[in-house]
Protein backbone atom coordinates (compact mmCIF):
# COMPACT_ATOMS: atom_id res chain seq x y z
CA UNK A 1 0.00 0.00 0.00
CA UNK A 2 1.19 3.54 -0.69
CA UNK A 3 2.58 5.05 2.52
CA UNK A 4 1.92 8.55 3.79
CA UNK A 5 3.89 9.58 6.88
CA UNK A 6 3.31 13.05 8.21
CA UNK A 7 5.14 15.50 10.44
CA UNK A 8 3.75 18.94 11.22
CA UNK A 9 5.54 22.17 11.84
CA UNK A 10 2.57 23.58 13.75
CA UNK A 11 3.10 22.87 17.46
CA UNK A 12 -0.34 24.26 18.40
CA UNK A 13 -2.30 21.73 16.41
CA UNK A 14 -5.99 21.62 17.42
CA UNK A 15 -7.58 18.49 18.83
CA UNK A 16 -9.77 17.96 15.77
CA UNK A 17 -6.64 17.73 13.59
CA UNK A 18 -5.12 15.15 15.95
CA UNK A 19 -8.27 13.07 15.57
CA UNK A 20 -8.09 13.23 11.78
CA UNK A 21 -4.39 12.44 11.80
CA UNK A 22 -4.95 9.38 13.99
CA UNK A 23 -7.75 8.13 11.73
CA UNK A 24 -5.61 8.61 8.64
CA UNK A 25 -2.84 6.47 10.14
CA UNK A 26 -5.30 3.84 11.33
CA UNK A 27 -7.04 3.34 7.99
CA UNK A 28 -3.89 3.86 5.95
CA UNK A 29 -4.92 6.61 3.56
CA UNK A 30 -3.44 10.08 3.02
CA UNK A 31 -4.24 12.78 5.54
CA UNK A 32 -5.47 15.27 2.99
CA UNK A 33 -7.67 12.68 1.31
CA UNK A 34 -9.17 12.11 4.76
CA UNK A 35 -9.60 15.84 5.28
CA UNK A 36 -10.98 16.58 1.84
CA UNK A 37 -13.16 13.53 1.21
CA UNK A 38 -14.01 11.41 4.25
CA UNK A 39 -14.29 13.89 7.09
CA UNK A 40 -15.24 17.35 5.82
CA UNK A 41 -17.60 17.76 8.79
CA UNK A 42 -14.63 17.68 11.20
CA UNK A 43 -13.08 20.82 9.71
CA UNK A 44 -14.10 23.78 11.93
CA UNK A 45 -17.24 25.45 10.62
CA UNK A 46 -16.63 28.67 8.76
CA UNK A 47 -12.99 27.86 7.97
CA UNK A 48 -11.55 26.96 4.58
CA UNK A 49 -9.37 23.90 4.04
CA UNK A 50 -6.17 25.95 4.12
CA UNK A 51 -3.07 24.73 5.96
CA UNK A 52 -2.18 27.18 8.78
CA UNK A 53 1.50 26.21 8.63
CA UNK A 54 3.85 24.42 6.27
CA UNK A 55 4.11 20.66 6.61
CA UNK A 56 6.46 17.91 5.52
CA UNK A 57 5.12 14.55 4.45
CA UNK A 58 6.41 11.32 3.00
CA UNK A 59 4.70 9.73 0.04
CA UNK A 60 5.65 6.22 -1.09
CA UNK A 61 4.86 4.86 -4.52
CA UNK A 62 5.12 1.26 -5.72
CA UNK A 63 6.39 1.56 -9.28
CA UNK A 64 5.19 -0.83 -11.94
CA UNK A 65 7.56 0.68 -14.51
CA UNK A 66 10.68 -0.03 -12.43
CA UNK A 67 9.72 -3.67 -11.90
CA UNK A 68 12.34 -5.96 -13.39
CA UNK A 69 14.92 -3.20 -13.76
CA UNK A 70 18.33 -4.69 -14.66
CA UNK A 71 20.02 -3.34 -11.53
CA UNK A 72 17.46 -4.98 -9.22
CA UNK A 73 16.82 -1.64 -7.53
CA UNK A 74 13.81 -1.21 -5.30
CA UNK A 75 10.47 -0.44 -6.92
CA UNK A 76 9.23 1.13 -3.68
CA UNK A 77 10.14 4.81 -3.93
CA UNK A 78 9.77 7.52 -1.32
CA UNK A 79 9.19 11.21 -1.96
CA UNK A 80 9.65 14.11 0.44
CA UNK A 81 6.70 16.47 0.12
CA UNK A 82 6.76 20.01 1.50
CA UNK A 83 3.44 21.84 1.50
CA UNK A 84 3.64 25.55 2.14
CA UNK A 85 1.48 27.59 4.44
CA UNK A 86 -1.72 28.30 2.58
CA UNK A 87 -1.83 24.91 0.86
CA UNK A 88 -5.36 23.70 0.27
CA UNK A 89 -6.56 20.47 -1.36
CA UNK A 90 -9.46 22.52 -2.72
CA UNK A 91 -7.11 24.38 -5.09
CA UNK A 92 -4.85 23.00 -7.80
CA UNK A 93 -1.76 24.89 -6.71
CA UNK A 94 1.60 24.84 -8.53
CA UNK A 95 3.93 21.94 -7.82
CA UNK A 96 7.72 21.74 -8.10
CA UNK A 97 9.12 18.29 -8.84
CA UNK A 98 12.71 18.54 -7.63
CA UNK A 99 15.48 16.18 -8.80
CA UNK A 100 18.51 16.05 -6.47
CA UNK A 101 22.09 15.80 -7.69
CA UNK A 102 24.13 12.60 -8.08
CA UNK A 103 23.75 10.38 -5.00
CA UNK A 104 21.11 12.61 -3.43
CA UNK A 105 17.54 11.78 -2.59
CA UNK A 106 14.49 12.56 -0.46
CA UNK A 107 16.15 11.32 2.75
CA UNK A 108 18.61 14.22 2.58
CA UNK A 109 15.67 16.62 2.80
CA UNK A 110 13.85 14.66 5.51
CA UNK A 111 16.86 14.56 7.85
CA UNK A 112 16.59 18.30 8.47
CA UNK A 113 13.01 19.14 7.51
CA UNK A 114 12.87 22.39 9.48
CA UNK A 115 15.36 24.01 7.12
CA UNK A 116 13.34 23.05 4.06
CA UNK A 117 10.06 24.04 5.71
CA UNK A 118 11.48 27.53 6.13
CA UNK A 119 12.61 27.40 2.52
CA UNK A 120 9.16 26.47 1.20
CA UNK A 121 7.65 29.31 3.24
CA UNK A 122 10.06 31.74 1.59
CA UNK A 123 9.19 30.26 -1.78
CA UNK A 124 5.48 30.64 -1.08
CA UNK A 125 6.04 34.25 0.00
CA UNK A 126 7.46 34.86 -3.49
CA UNK A 127 5.10 32.85 -5.73
CA UNK A 128 2.14 31.92 -3.53
CA UNK A 129 1.18 28.59 -1.90
CA UNK A 130 2.58 25.49 -3.58
CA UNK A 131 3.92 21.97 -3.14
CA UNK A 132 7.61 21.06 -3.34
CA UNK A 133 8.20 17.37 -4.07
CA UNK A 134 11.65 15.75 -3.89
CA UNK A 135 11.80 12.75 -6.25
CA UNK A 136 13.85 9.57 -5.78
CA UNK A 137 15.88 8.75 -8.89
CA UNK A 138 18.72 6.86 -7.23
CA UNK A 139 20.01 3.52 -8.46
CA UNK A 140 22.66 1.13 -7.15
CA UNK A 141 25.43 3.16 -8.80
CA UNK A 142 24.26 6.52 -7.44
CA UNK A 143 21.87 8.13 -9.92
CA UNK A 144 19.73 7.17 -12.89
CA UNK A 145 20.21 10.66 -14.38
CA UNK A 146 16.39 10.56 -14.48
CA UNK A 147 16.33 9.10 -18.00
CA UNK A 148 15.31 5.79 -19.56
CA UNK A 149 18.16 3.33 -20.01
CA UNK A 150 18.08 -0.37 -20.94
CA UNK A 151 20.96 -0.84 -18.49
CA UNK A 152 19.49 0.85 -15.42
CA UNK A 153 15.73 1.18 -15.89
CA UNK A 154 13.08 3.51 -17.28
CA UNK A 155 13.32 6.37 -14.79
CA UNK A 156 11.92 9.06 -17.10
CA UNK A 157 8.75 7.03 -17.58
CA UNK A 158 8.58 6.27 -13.87
CA UNK A 159 8.65 10.00 -13.04
CA UNK A 160 6.38 11.25 -15.78
CA UNK A 161 3.88 8.41 -16.01
CA UNK A 162 3.75 7.36 -12.36
CA UNK A 163 5.15 9.96 -9.95
CA UNK A 164 3.48 13.03 -11.47
CA UNK A 165 -0.08 11.62 -11.66
CA UNK A 166 0.30 9.88 -8.29
CA UNK A 167 1.36 13.09 -6.52
CA UNK A 168 -1.38 15.09 -8.20
CA UNK A 169 -4.05 12.56 -7.23
CA UNK A 170 -2.90 12.55 -3.63
CA UNK A 171 -2.41 16.27 -3.13
CA UNK A 172 -4.70 17.87 -5.76
CA UNK A 173 -1.89 20.05 -7.12
CA UNK A 174 -0.64 20.75 -10.65
CA UNK A 175 -3.13 19.44 -13.16
CA UNK A 176 -1.78 21.41 -16.11
CA UNK A 177 1.70 22.01 -17.54
CA UNK A 178 1.56 25.67 -16.57
CA UNK A 179 1.37 24.68 -12.90
CA UNK A 180 4.17 22.09 -13.05
CA UNK A 181 7.85 22.95 -12.61
CA UNK A 182 10.55 20.34 -13.13
CA UNK A 183 13.69 21.51 -11.34
CA UNK A 184 17.01 20.01 -10.36
CA UNK A 185 20.65 20.56 -9.53
CA UNK A 186 23.70 18.98 -11.22
CA UNK A 187 22.55 15.51 -12.34
CA UNK A 188 19.08 16.73 -11.39
CA UNK A 189 19.52 19.81 -13.56
CA UNK A 190 20.42 17.47 -16.41
CA UNK A 191 17.31 15.44 -15.62
CA UNK A 192 15.11 18.54 -15.55
CA UNK A 193 16.30 19.54 -19.03
CA UNK A 194 15.90 16.05 -20.45
CA UNK A 195 12.43 15.50 -18.97
CA UNK A 196 11.35 18.98 -20.01
CA UNK A 197 12.38 18.19 -23.58
CA UNK A 198 10.89 14.70 -23.70
CA UNK A 199 7.62 15.55 -21.93
CA UNK A 200 6.77 19.04 -23.13
CA UNK A 201 3.07 18.45 -22.54
CA UNK A 202 3.67 17.66 -18.85
CA UNK A 203 6.13 20.30 -17.67
CA UNK A 204 5.50 23.94 -18.44
CA UNK A 205 8.61 25.16 -16.65
CA UNK A 206 12.18 23.88 -16.41
CA UNK A 207 14.69 25.05 -13.78
CA UNK A 208 18.19 23.71 -14.48
CA UNK A 209 20.75 24.55 -11.78
CA UNK A 210 24.37 23.71 -12.71
CA UNK A 211 23.12 21.02 -15.11
CA UNK A 212 25.42 18.33 -16.44
CA UNK A 213 26.00 19.64 -19.97
CA UNK A 214 28.68 20.56 -22.51
CA UNK A 215 30.16 17.09 -22.04
CA UNK A 216 33.19 17.85 -24.18
CA UNK A 217 34.27 20.35 -21.53
CA UNK A 218 32.84 18.94 -18.32
CA UNK A 219 32.89 15.14 -18.82
CA UNK A 220 35.45 14.17 -21.46
CA UNK A 221 38.47 14.87 -19.20
CA UNK A 222 37.65 12.21 -16.60
CA UNK A 223 37.02 9.58 -19.31
CA UNK A 224 40.61 9.95 -20.52
CA UNK A 225 42.52 10.50 -17.28
CA UNK A 226 45.16 8.10 -16.03
CA UNK A 227 42.99 6.42 -13.39
CA UNK A 228 40.18 5.66 -15.83
CA UNK A 229 42.65 4.28 -18.37
CA UNK A 230 44.11 1.91 -15.76
CA UNK A 231 40.84 0.11 -15.10
CA UNK A 232 41.19 -3.36 -16.57
CA UNK A 233 38.42 -4.78 -18.72
CA UNK A 234 38.10 -7.74 -16.36
CA UNK A 235 37.55 -5.40 -13.41
CA UNK A 236 35.04 -3.36 -15.41
CA UNK A 237 33.03 -6.49 -16.17
CA UNK A 238 32.47 -6.98 -12.44
CA UNK A 239 30.14 -3.99 -12.55
CA UNK A 240 27.96 -5.65 -15.21
CA UNK A 241 25.14 -8.12 -14.57
CA UNK A 242 24.95 -10.54 -12.97
CA UNK A 243 27.70 -9.44 -10.53
CA UNK A 244 26.80 -5.73 -10.35
CA UNK A 245 29.68 -4.92 -8.04
CA UNK A 246 28.98 -1.83 -5.92
CA UNK A 247 30.68 1.49 -6.61
CA UNK A 248 32.37 3.15 -3.64
CA UNK A 249 33.64 6.66 -3.01
CA UNK A 250 37.17 5.29 -3.35
CA UNK A 251 36.46 4.58 -7.02
CA UNK A 252 36.43 8.34 -7.70
CA UNK A 253 36.25 9.31 -11.36
CA UNK A 254 36.22 5.66 -12.37
CA UNK A 255 33.08 5.03 -10.37
CA UNK A 256 31.38 8.10 -11.77
CA UNK A 257 32.27 7.09 -15.33
CA UNK A 258 30.92 3.58 -14.76
CA UNK A 259 27.69 4.95 -13.30
CA UNK A 260 27.15 7.23 -16.29
CA UNK A 261 28.01 4.50 -18.78
CA UNK A 262 25.09 2.55 -17.34
CA UNK A 263 22.86 5.55 -18.10
CA UNK A 264 24.24 6.61 -21.48
CA UNK A 265 25.97 3.62 -23.11
CA UNK A 266 23.84 0.49 -22.88
CA UNK A 267 25.12 -2.44 -24.93
CA UNK A 268 22.38 -3.94 -27.13
CA UNK A 269 24.71 -6.78 -28.11
CA UNK A 270 25.18 -7.89 -24.51
CA UNK A 271 22.83 -9.47 -21.98
CA UNK A 272 20.08 -7.47 -20.29
CA UNK A 273 21.62 -4.63 -18.31
CA UNK A 274 24.98 -4.65 -20.10
CA UNK A 275 26.71 -1.37 -20.94
CA UNK A 276 29.88 -0.30 -22.70
CA UNK A 277 33.20 0.98 -21.37
CA UNK A 278 35.68 3.50 -22.77
CA UNK A 279 38.60 1.12 -23.30
CA UNK A 280 38.98 -2.30 -24.90
CA UNK A 281 41.30 -5.08 -23.77
CA UNK A 282 44.21 -3.35 -25.52
CA UNK A 283 43.55 0.00 -23.82
CA UNK A 284 42.20 1.64 -27.00
CA UNK A 285 39.71 4.45 -26.39
CA UNK A 286 36.25 3.58 -27.72
CA UNK A 287 34.88 6.55 -29.63
CA UNK A 288 31.49 4.89 -30.09
CA UNK A 289 31.01 4.89 -26.31
CA UNK A 290 31.85 8.58 -26.17
CA UNK A 291 29.38 9.31 -28.97
CA UNK A 292 26.65 7.62 -26.95
CA UNK A 293 27.46 9.92 -24.06
CA UNK A 294 27.57 12.96 -26.31
CA UNK A 295 24.14 12.22 -27.75
CA UNK A 296 22.76 12.43 -24.19
CA UNK A 297 24.31 15.86 -23.58
CA UNK A 298 21.51 18.46 -23.21
CA UNK A 299 23.65 21.00 -25.06
CA UNK A 300 24.13 18.59 -27.97
CA UNK A 301 20.40 17.85 -28.07
CA UNK A 302 19.41 21.52 -27.95
CA UNK A 303 21.81 22.41 -30.76
CA UNK A 304 21.00 19.39 -32.95
CA UNK A 305 17.20 19.17 -32.56
CA UNK A 306 14.37 21.17 -34.05
CA UNK A 307 12.18 22.60 -31.28
CA UNK A 308 13.77 20.82 -28.30
CA UNK A 309 11.33 22.78 -26.12
CA UNK A 310 7.85 24.08 -26.83
CA UNK A 311 7.10 27.78 -27.19
CA UNK A 312 4.67 27.26 -24.31
CA UNK A 313 7.51 26.30 -21.93
CA UNK A 314 9.96 28.40 -19.95
CA UNK A 315 13.57 27.32 -19.35
CA UNK A 316 15.70 28.81 -16.57
CA UNK A 317 19.41 27.99 -16.87
CA UNK A 318 22.09 28.90 -14.35
CA UNK A 319 25.45 28.01 -12.88
CA UNK A 320 27.72 29.77 -10.36
CA UNK A 321 30.64 31.86 -11.55
CA UNK A 322 33.10 29.45 -9.87
CA UNK A 323 31.30 26.20 -10.62
CA UNK A 324 33.74 23.37 -9.86
CA UNK A 325 32.59 21.41 -12.92
CA UNK A 326 32.15 24.41 -15.24
CA UNK A 327 28.43 23.67 -15.44
CA UNK A 328 27.80 27.39 -15.79
CA UNK A 329 29.39 27.31 -19.24
CA UNK A 330 27.12 24.60 -20.59
CA UNK A 331 24.07 26.24 -19.01
CA UNK A 332 24.90 29.54 -20.69
CA UNK A 333 25.39 27.87 -24.06
CA UNK A 334 22.00 26.16 -23.74
CA UNK A 335 20.42 29.52 -22.96
CA UNK A 336 22.14 31.13 -25.94
CA UNK A 337 20.84 28.40 -28.26
CA UNK A 338 17.30 28.64 -26.89
CA UNK A 339 17.29 32.45 -27.01
CA UNK A 340 17.22 32.19 -30.81
CA UNK A 341 13.86 30.40 -30.60
CA UNK A 342 10.47 31.45 -29.27
CA UNK A 343 11.05 29.70 -25.92
CA UNK A 344 10.98 31.98 -22.89
CA UNK A 345 14.44 31.51 -21.37
CA UNK A 346 17.09 33.19 -19.27
CA UNK A 347 20.55 32.59 -17.81
CA UNK A 348 21.76 33.60 -14.37
CA UNK A 349 25.25 33.27 -12.90
CA UNK A 350 25.19 33.52 -9.09
CA UNK A 351 28.37 33.82 -7.05
CA UNK A 352 29.99 30.74 -5.55
CA UNK A 353 30.71 27.11 -6.32
CA UNK A 354 28.73 24.16 -7.68
CA UNK A 355 26.59 23.49 -4.61
CA UNK A 356 26.59 26.91 -2.93
CA UNK A 357 23.40 28.85 -2.13
CA UNK A 358 21.20 26.03 -3.39
CA UNK A 359 17.94 27.03 -1.64
CA UNK A 360 18.28 30.62 -2.83
CA UNK A 361 19.00 29.38 -6.35
CA UNK A 362 15.92 27.16 -6.39
CA UNK A 363 13.82 30.04 -5.08
CA UNK A 364 15.09 32.38 -7.77
CA UNK A 365 14.52 29.86 -10.56
CA UNK A 366 10.98 29.00 -9.50
CA UNK A 367 10.13 32.68 -8.98
CA UNK A 368 11.32 33.54 -12.48
CA UNK A 369 9.39 30.60 -13.94
CA UNK A 370 6.14 31.77 -12.35
CA UNK A 371 6.81 35.40 -13.28
CA UNK A 372 7.34 36.56 -9.71
CA UNK A 373 9.99 39.13 -8.77
CA UNK A 374 13.53 37.74 -8.45
CA UNK A 375 16.35 38.78 -6.14
CA UNK A 376 20.04 38.55 -6.95
CA UNK A 377 22.05 36.16 -4.78
CA UNK A 378 24.82 37.74 -2.73
């Protein structure tokens, strides 16, 4: 059954809410379904169904699309849901689907929910009440990059065909592309761009913060460095099915390259879940593997595709002026390419490094997307 675990920021919760909360846990259905459908008579007379304070909740979905994925990753996926003050199930408010960077997930947001509750309040003060949903796109190697891959699973379909409708049924948010924002940082920024391109009818707004892009600049170097070259083909094969050896932090660039090969370079000639490597048994660099990576680069797609985004979408690109991975350069090039089309787009370069000022950067991107005033980051 889909889980729905709730914490509340409001310490002065009335007794009637405690009763509803207890009933929701007992019968195993979402709190706001209980409030909005089963027990409307318990809401105080004369009051609207508007949350008096922001709340954090956990939604769990059992994915049919991820069943049988080649990496044997769990099909039970948790989402962290932050509902701002003023949220009401009676209104289809905007919803941000947020994709964390490589190795990140909802648990990172749930470990310190107070910080993110304050963030969602600031966001609501800028754009109005909304929902902020942190999506789980992790796999055994760290991140699915939020795309479909024969080697890791169909994560784009899982998000767009399962997560989005599931969240909207549960919370009564979104409902139209204009009220949906797909946002992410780093690998998540990459995912936001790719999902925004592939599912133009679903996402009206894209917020790409330091997105993986311009692979020739940002990714090619670690595929040709000395450590990556030293990995033997026999050792590489341990990461393929059926062994699926785990990747550790000690693997460094090698581990990252392996993880991305699983996303970008599946091997149709091999068994289910197989993917290609950059070097053969003689240590010769495999250009065909690199081309598979390159064809997944958002910058490559934007510059080699007619109408990569719809004129009805907005695309916010950004990257800090001292981004450790030079993601600001790729983001700016994507903006420059899109600025020649009829897509509403912009580029912003905040101060700092790759992961600095992330809440403020999300706030600015979402505010711009929904045509609210923006503030420069100091």
